[in-house]
Protein backbone atom coordinates (compact mmCIF):
# COMPACT_ATOMS: atom_id res chain seq x y z
CA MET A 1 20.65 -73.64 -122.15
CA ARG A 2 23.77 -75.19 -120.70
CA ARG A 3 25.50 -71.93 -120.17
CA ARG A 4 22.39 -70.79 -118.14
CA ARG A 5 22.65 -73.89 -115.89
CA ILE A 6 26.23 -73.07 -115.23
CA CYS A 7 25.44 -69.37 -114.30
CA LEU A 8 22.77 -70.57 -111.88
CA LEU A 9 25.18 -72.97 -110.22
CA VAL A 10 27.67 -70.19 -109.93
CA VAL A 11 25.21 -68.07 -108.34
CA ALA A 12 24.01 -70.74 -105.89
CA SER A 13 27.62 -71.33 -104.94
CA ALA A 14 28.11 -67.76 -104.05
CA ALA A 15 25.01 -67.68 -102.03
CA LEU A 16 26.12 -70.76 -100.03
CA GLY A 17 29.71 -69.22 -99.55
CA ALA A 18 27.84 -66.03 -98.03
CA ALA A 19 25.54 -68.00 -95.75
CA ARG A 20 28.31 -70.33 -94.31
CA PRO A 21 29.61 -67.79 -91.82
CA ALA A 22 26.19 -67.49 -90.11
CA VAL A 23 25.97 -71.21 -89.65
CA ALA A 24 29.44 -71.25 -88.25
CA GLU A 25 28.35 -68.74 -85.75
CA GLU A 26 25.67 -71.06 -84.38
CA PRO A 27 26.58 -72.40 -80.86
CA ASP A 28 28.19 -75.92 -80.55
CA LEU A 29 25.67 -77.91 -78.59
CA SER A 30 28.15 -80.81 -77.99
CA ALA A 31 30.60 -78.47 -76.13
CA PRO A 32 30.31 -78.08 -72.30
CA GLY A 33 29.19 -74.76 -71.04
CA VAL A 34 29.09 -72.93 -67.66
CA CYS A 35 26.26 -70.45 -67.14
CA ALA A 36 25.90 -68.16 -64.15
CA PRO A 37 23.25 -68.02 -63.15
CA PRO A 38 21.85 -71.49 -63.97
CA CYS A 39 19.67 -71.50 -67.02
CA PRO A 40 15.76 -71.88 -66.42
CA ASP A 41 13.95 -75.03 -67.23
CA GLY A 42 13.63 -75.83 -71.15
CA GLU A 43 17.11 -73.98 -72.00
CA ILE A 44 20.59 -75.50 -72.57
CA CYS A 45 23.69 -74.01 -71.27
CA VAL A 46 26.21 -73.61 -74.17
CA GLY A 47 29.58 -71.88 -73.30
CA THR A 48 28.32 -69.11 -71.15
CA SER A 49 25.06 -68.47 -72.80
CA CYS A 50 21.69 -70.16 -72.30
CA VAL A 51 20.06 -71.44 -75.61
CA ALA A 52 16.77 -73.14 -76.76
CA PRO A 53 16.67 -76.83 -77.67
CA ASP A 54 16.47 -75.61 -81.26
CA GLY A 55 19.81 -73.97 -81.18
CA ARG A 56 18.31 -70.38 -80.70
CA ARG A 57 19.62 -68.15 -77.90
CA ALA A 58 17.24 -67.48 -75.27
CA ALA A 59 15.81 -64.06 -74.85
CA PRO A 60 17.24 -62.11 -72.05
CA ALA A 61 15.10 -62.38 -68.86
CA ARG A 62 13.35 -59.48 -67.86
CA PRO A 63 14.24 -57.92 -64.51
CA ARG A 64 11.66 -58.86 -61.97
CA ALA A 65 9.71 -55.83 -60.62
CA ALA A 66 10.52 -55.02 -57.13
CA ALA A 67 7.87 -56.32 -54.60
CA ARG A 68 5.67 -53.25 -53.44
CA PRO A 69 5.42 -52.78 -49.67
CA ALA A 70 2.27 -53.70 -48.23
CA PRO A 71 0.18 -50.63 -47.34
CA PRO A 72 0.00 -49.71 -43.56
CA PRO A 73 -3.10 -50.63 -41.73
CA PRO A 74 -5.64 -47.78 -41.42
CA PRO A 75 -5.48 -45.85 -38.37
CA GLN A 76 -7.91 -47.19 -35.65
CA PRO A 77 -10.00 -44.81 -33.31
CA ALA A 78 -9.08 -44.72 -29.78
CA GLY A 79 -10.37 -47.43 -27.63
CA THR A 80 -10.63 -50.09 -30.58
CA PRO A 81 -9.35 -53.38 -29.26
CA PRO A 82 -6.62 -54.87 -31.46
CA PRO A 83 -7.07 -57.90 -33.71
CA GLY A 84 -6.84 -61.45 -32.01
CA ASN A 85 -7.52 -62.42 -28.49
CA ALA A 86 -5.06 -60.07 -26.86
CA PRO A 87 -6.77 -57.69 -24.27
CA PRO A 88 -7.29 -54.28 -25.53
CA ALA A 89 -4.51 -51.94 -24.34
CA GLN A 90 -5.17 -48.81 -22.21
CA THR A 91 -4.92 -45.78 -24.40
CA PRO A 92 -3.29 -43.06 -22.20
CA PRO A 93 -4.88 -39.65 -22.32
CA PRO A 94 -3.23 -37.27 -24.77
CA ALA A 95 -0.57 -35.31 -23.03
CA TYR A 96 0.10 -31.66 -23.96
CA ALA A 97 3.62 -30.84 -24.50
CA PRO A 98 4.71 -28.02 -22.37
CA PRO A 99 5.28 -24.71 -24.15
CA PRO A 100 8.70 -24.11 -25.42
CA ALA A 101 10.89 -21.90 -23.01
CA TYR A 102 11.03 -18.24 -24.09
CA ALA A 103 14.47 -17.44 -25.19
CA SER A 104 15.49 -13.99 -25.67
CA PRO A 105 16.93 -13.06 -29.04
CA PRO A 106 20.75 -12.10 -28.90
CA GLY A 107 21.43 -8.46 -27.91
CA TYR A 108 18.46 -8.28 -25.43
CA PRO A 109 19.32 -7.93 -21.63
CA PRO A 110 19.34 -10.98 -19.40
CA PRO A 111 15.86 -12.36 -18.14
CA ALA A 112 16.11 -10.25 -14.78
CA TYR A 113 15.85 -7.17 -16.85
CA TYR A 114 12.97 -7.61 -19.24
CA TYR A 115 9.11 -8.37 -18.83
CA PRO A 116 7.93 -11.86 -19.57
CA PRO A 117 5.99 -12.34 -22.75
CA PRO A 118 2.41 -11.29 -22.71
CA GLN A 119 -0.19 -14.09 -22.17
CA PRO A 120 -2.76 -14.70 -24.93
CA LEU A 121 -6.00 -12.97 -24.90
CA GLY A 122 -8.63 -14.64 -22.77
CA TRP A 123 -6.24 -16.31 -20.47
CA TYR A 124 -4.68 -13.33 -18.86
CA TYR A 125 -6.38 -11.56 -15.79
CA PRO A 126 -4.64 -8.29 -14.41
CA PRO A 127 -4.10 -8.43 -10.67
CA PRO A 128 -6.51 -6.23 -8.79
CA PRO A 129 -5.27 -2.79 -7.80
CA THR A 130 -3.71 -2.44 -4.48
CA PRO A 131 -6.32 -0.89 -2.02
CA LEU A 132 -5.15 2.45 -0.45
CA PRO A 133 -4.35 2.18 3.32
CA PRO A 134 -7.23 3.55 5.37
CA PRO A 135 -6.45 7.20 6.76
CA PRO A 136 -5.08 7.42 10.17
CA PRO A 137 -7.62 7.67 12.99
CA ARG A 138 -8.35 11.02 14.25
CA PRO A 139 -6.64 11.77 17.56
CA PRO A 140 -9.35 11.90 20.39
CA ARG A 141 -10.15 15.14 21.88
CA LEU A 142 -8.82 15.64 25.28
CA LYS A 143 -11.05 18.00 26.91
CA ARG A 144 -9.78 19.38 30.07
CA ILE A 145 -12.02 20.33 33.13
CA PHE A 146 -10.89 23.92 32.82
CA LEU A 147 -12.48 25.97 30.07
CA ALA A 148 -11.21 29.29 28.78
CA LEU A 149 -12.71 31.08 25.82
CA PRO A 150 -11.13 34.42 24.97
CA TYR A 151 -12.50 36.59 22.11
CA PHE A 152 -11.72 39.73 20.29
CA GLY A 153 -13.86 41.74 17.77
CA VAL A 154 -16.55 44.53 17.47
CA HIS A 155 -19.92 45.53 18.89
CA SER A 156 -22.66 47.70 17.56
CA TYR A 157 -25.70 49.38 19.19
CA GLN A 158 -28.87 48.78 17.36
CA ASN A 159 -31.36 51.35 18.89
CA ALA A 160 -32.56 54.49 17.05
CA GLU A 161 -31.50 56.65 19.99
CA THR A 162 -27.87 55.57 19.42
CA ALA A 163 -27.67 56.47 15.77
CA ALA A 164 -24.62 58.48 16.44
CA TYR A 165 -22.74 55.21 17.72
CA GLY A 166 -20.45 53.44 15.19
CA PRO A 167 -18.95 49.86 15.65
CA GLY A 168 -16.84 49.96 18.59
CA LEU A 169 -14.22 47.65 20.23
CA ARG A 170 -15.19 44.46 22.12
CA PHE A 171 -12.90 41.92 24.00
CA GLY A 172 -13.33 39.54 26.79
CA SER A 173 -13.49 35.93 27.88
CA LEU A 174 -15.55 33.11 29.26
CA ILE A 175 -13.79 31.21 32.18
CA GLY A 176 -15.23 28.25 33.85
CA GLY A 177 -15.25 24.37 34.17
CA ARG A 178 -16.77 21.56 32.28
CA LEU A 179 -19.11 19.13 33.91
CA ASN A 180 -18.74 16.80 31.12
CA ASP A 181 -17.71 16.91 27.30
CA ARG A 182 -20.72 18.96 26.33
CA LEU A 183 -21.85 21.13 29.35
CA SER A 184 -19.79 23.81 31.22
CA LEU A 185 -20.52 26.63 33.72
CA ASN A 186 -18.70 29.82 33.11
CA ALA A 187 -18.46 33.46 33.97
CA ASP A 188 -18.42 35.84 30.99
CA VAL A 189 -16.56 39.14 31.35
CA THR A 190 -17.06 41.55 28.45
CA ILE A 191 -15.48 45.15 27.89
CA ASP A 192 -17.01 47.37 25.30
CA ILE A 193 -15.32 50.58 23.99
CA SER A 194 -17.86 52.94 22.57
CA ASN A 195 -17.31 54.86 19.17
CA VAL A 196 -19.53 58.13 19.04
CA ASN A 197 -19.16 59.99 15.67
CA GLY A 198 -18.34 63.63 16.07
CA ALA A 199 -18.03 63.69 19.89
CA GLY A 200 -14.63 65.04 19.74
CA SER A 201 -11.45 64.12 21.76
CA GLY A 202 -13.20 64.84 25.03
CA PHE A 203 -15.60 62.02 24.85
CA ARG A 204 -14.87 58.71 25.99
CA GLU A 205 -17.30 55.80 26.99
CA TYR A 206 -16.89 52.15 27.95
CA SER A 207 -18.76 49.44 29.58
CA VAL A 208 -17.88 46.28 31.57
CA SER A 209 -20.47 43.30 32.04
CA ILE A 210 -20.21 40.17 34.31
CA ALA A 211 -22.64 37.51 33.57
CA PHE A 212 -23.25 33.88 34.25
CA ALA A 213 -22.91 31.98 30.94
CA PRO A 214 -23.53 28.26 30.95
CA LEU A 215 -22.29 26.69 27.48
CA LEU A 216 -23.34 23.77 25.59
CA GLN A 217 -20.98 22.11 23.16
CA VAL A 218 -22.22 19.83 20.31
CA PRO A 219 -19.73 18.09 18.04
CA ALA A 220 -20.85 17.68 14.42
CA GLY A 221 -18.07 15.70 12.65
CA PRO A 222 -14.88 17.80 12.54
CA ILE A 223 -16.48 20.90 13.73
CA GLU A 224 -18.24 21.85 16.89
CA PHE A 225 -21.12 24.21 17.81
CA VAL A 226 -21.46 26.06 20.96
CA VAL A 227 -24.52 28.01 22.32
CA GLY A 228 -25.65 29.29 25.72
CA PRO A 229 -27.57 32.06 27.54
CA LYS A 230 -26.08 34.56 29.78
CA ALA A 231 -27.44 36.91 32.53
CA GLY A 232 -25.68 39.52 34.84
CA ILE A 233 -24.93 43.14 35.39
CA PHE A 234 -23.21 46.05 33.60
CA ILE A 235 -21.46 49.29 34.41
CA LEU A 236 -21.47 52.04 31.77
CA ASP A 237 -18.95 54.95 32.50
CA THR A 238 -19.19 58.07 30.30
CA GLU A 239 -16.85 61.04 30.42
CA VAL A 240 -17.34 64.43 28.26
CA GLY A 241 -15.07 67.40 28.22
CA ALA A 242 -15.97 70.67 26.61
CA SER A 243 -15.45 74.35 27.47
CA GLY A 244 -12.94 73.46 30.21
CA ALA A 245 -15.42 71.46 32.18
CA THR A 246 -15.65 67.66 32.53
CA ILE A 247 -18.84 65.97 33.20
CA SER A 248 -18.83 62.24 33.91
CA GLY A 249 -21.65 59.77 34.40
CA THR A 250 -22.03 56.14 35.64
CA GLN A 251 -25.05 53.88 34.83
CA ARG A 252 -25.63 50.48 36.30
CA GLY A 253 -28.11 47.94 35.11
CA VAL A 254 -28.79 44.43 34.25
CA ALA A 255 -27.76 42.57 30.98
CA PHE A 256 -29.12 39.27 29.47
CA GLY A 257 -28.70 37.63 26.06
CA ILE A 258 -27.40 34.57 24.14
CA SER A 259 -24.14 33.49 22.52
CA ALA A 260 -23.53 31.03 19.82
CA GLY A 261 -20.58 30.05 17.67
CA VAL A 262 -18.90 27.43 15.57
CA PHE A 263 -15.43 26.11 16.03
CA LEU A 264 -12.89 23.88 14.09
CA PRO A 265 -10.21 21.86 16.02
CA VAL A 266 -6.59 22.75 15.39
CA SER A 267 -5.18 20.50 17.98
CA ALA A 268 -6.35 17.76 20.61
CA THR A 269 -7.22 20.57 23.05
CA THR A 270 -7.65 23.76 21.21
CA SER A 271 -10.28 25.07 18.60
CA VAL A 272 -10.60 28.27 16.72
CA GLY A 273 -13.83 29.72 15.55
CA VAL A 274 -16.41 32.63 15.54
CA LEU A 275 -18.71 33.67 18.45
CA LEU A 276 -21.68 35.87 17.99
CA ALA A 277 -23.63 37.46 20.82
CA SER A 278 -26.93 39.38 21.14
CA GLU A 279 -27.45 41.30 24.29
CA PHE A 280 -30.15 43.68 26.07
CA ARG A 281 -29.19 46.15 28.61
CA ASN A 282 -31.41 47.94 30.96
CA GLY A 283 -30.09 50.79 33.09
CA ASN A 284 -31.57 51.66 36.19
CA ASP A 285 -29.19 53.97 38.25
CA VAL A 286 -27.51 57.04 37.03
CA CYS A 287 -24.88 59.13 38.69
CA GLN A 288 -23.40 62.31 37.29
CA SER A 289 -20.72 64.55 38.60
CA THR A 290 -19.30 68.01 37.58
CA PHE A 291 -15.97 68.81 38.96
CA GLN A 292 -16.11 68.26 42.59
CA GLN A 293 -19.86 68.17 42.76
CA GLY A 294 -22.01 65.05 41.96
CA PHE A 295 -25.32 63.49 42.41
CA CYS A 296 -27.03 60.03 41.97
CA ALA A 297 -30.44 59.51 40.72
CA SER A 298 -32.23 56.17 40.89
CA GLY A 299 -35.77 55.33 39.47
CA ALA A 300 -37.27 53.68 36.75
CA ALA A 301 -35.30 52.08 33.75
CA THR A 302 -34.00 54.32 31.16
CA GLY A 303 -34.80 52.01 28.23
CA LEU A 304 -33.45 48.81 26.68
CA ALA A 305 -30.20 49.06 24.67
CA THR A 306 -29.66 46.44 22.07
CA ILE A 307 -26.07 45.39 21.29
CA VAL A 308 -24.74 42.92 18.88
CA GLY A 309 -21.24 41.58 19.03
CA ALA A 310 -19.00 39.61 16.44
CA THR A 311 -15.75 38.14 17.62
CA VAL A 312 -13.05 35.58 16.72
CA ALA A 313 -12.63 33.43 19.67
CA VAL A 314 -10.20 30.43 20.78
CA LEU A 315 -11.57 27.63 22.87
CA PHE A 316 -9.32 25.80 25.15
């Protein structure tokens, strides 16, 4: 029993020896201390540490959470007066920023040599096309008082008795003066050379007619129509040579008809066109001669001869 008590004392002494260092590590509450920052209320500064009144070290203070910034006020609609008694500020209208300047990428020609960027659809209206200049005015016709209308073409007999006659040569002219731009008084001189089929080289025939022919000129846009009657006399001269003998004859009579044509101006004073004529000739006197002998017979008309002429004419 005594030995058991001695063993218990030895064990207790060893336990106290092991626990002594822990007691020695406890802070000395009587020693002065310097703590930075100062200890909070309810704690004591020992050395450089803050301890509780019962000798335990104070738990380290947790770092304070950073203060959250206050949320910004919600956006107010335009025209809402500010809080307080301050007068509402005038809200300026929103200004649209000008479009950025167009900068050409490197390597492009300078701005003077390229087209500006195209405008967006709906905002670009192409300029109207440039109207063509009006045509120059046509120079006015300068009609002179003197009128000349030379013509050249063919004529043809239309009677059954003249079936042997083919188209013959015709030429002549109207010469006169204008009373105004539309009416003129003229003399018509026409020469016809007959063409008789199978008459041989000894046959020749021609006629000359002189007639009074007033002419009416009617302009119609760029062209001009002419029309007019004519009345006068004619002389038909015929010569036939056969078997060494020559027989000639001369016939006189009256002629009347009508002329019409269309002309196109080629200058201020000149026109070119076509002149058509229809004539009726009535021979009254016939004179025939053989060699040195001859006789003339006068009496009733020998019949009407119908002649149609088609010529190219120039109107001055």
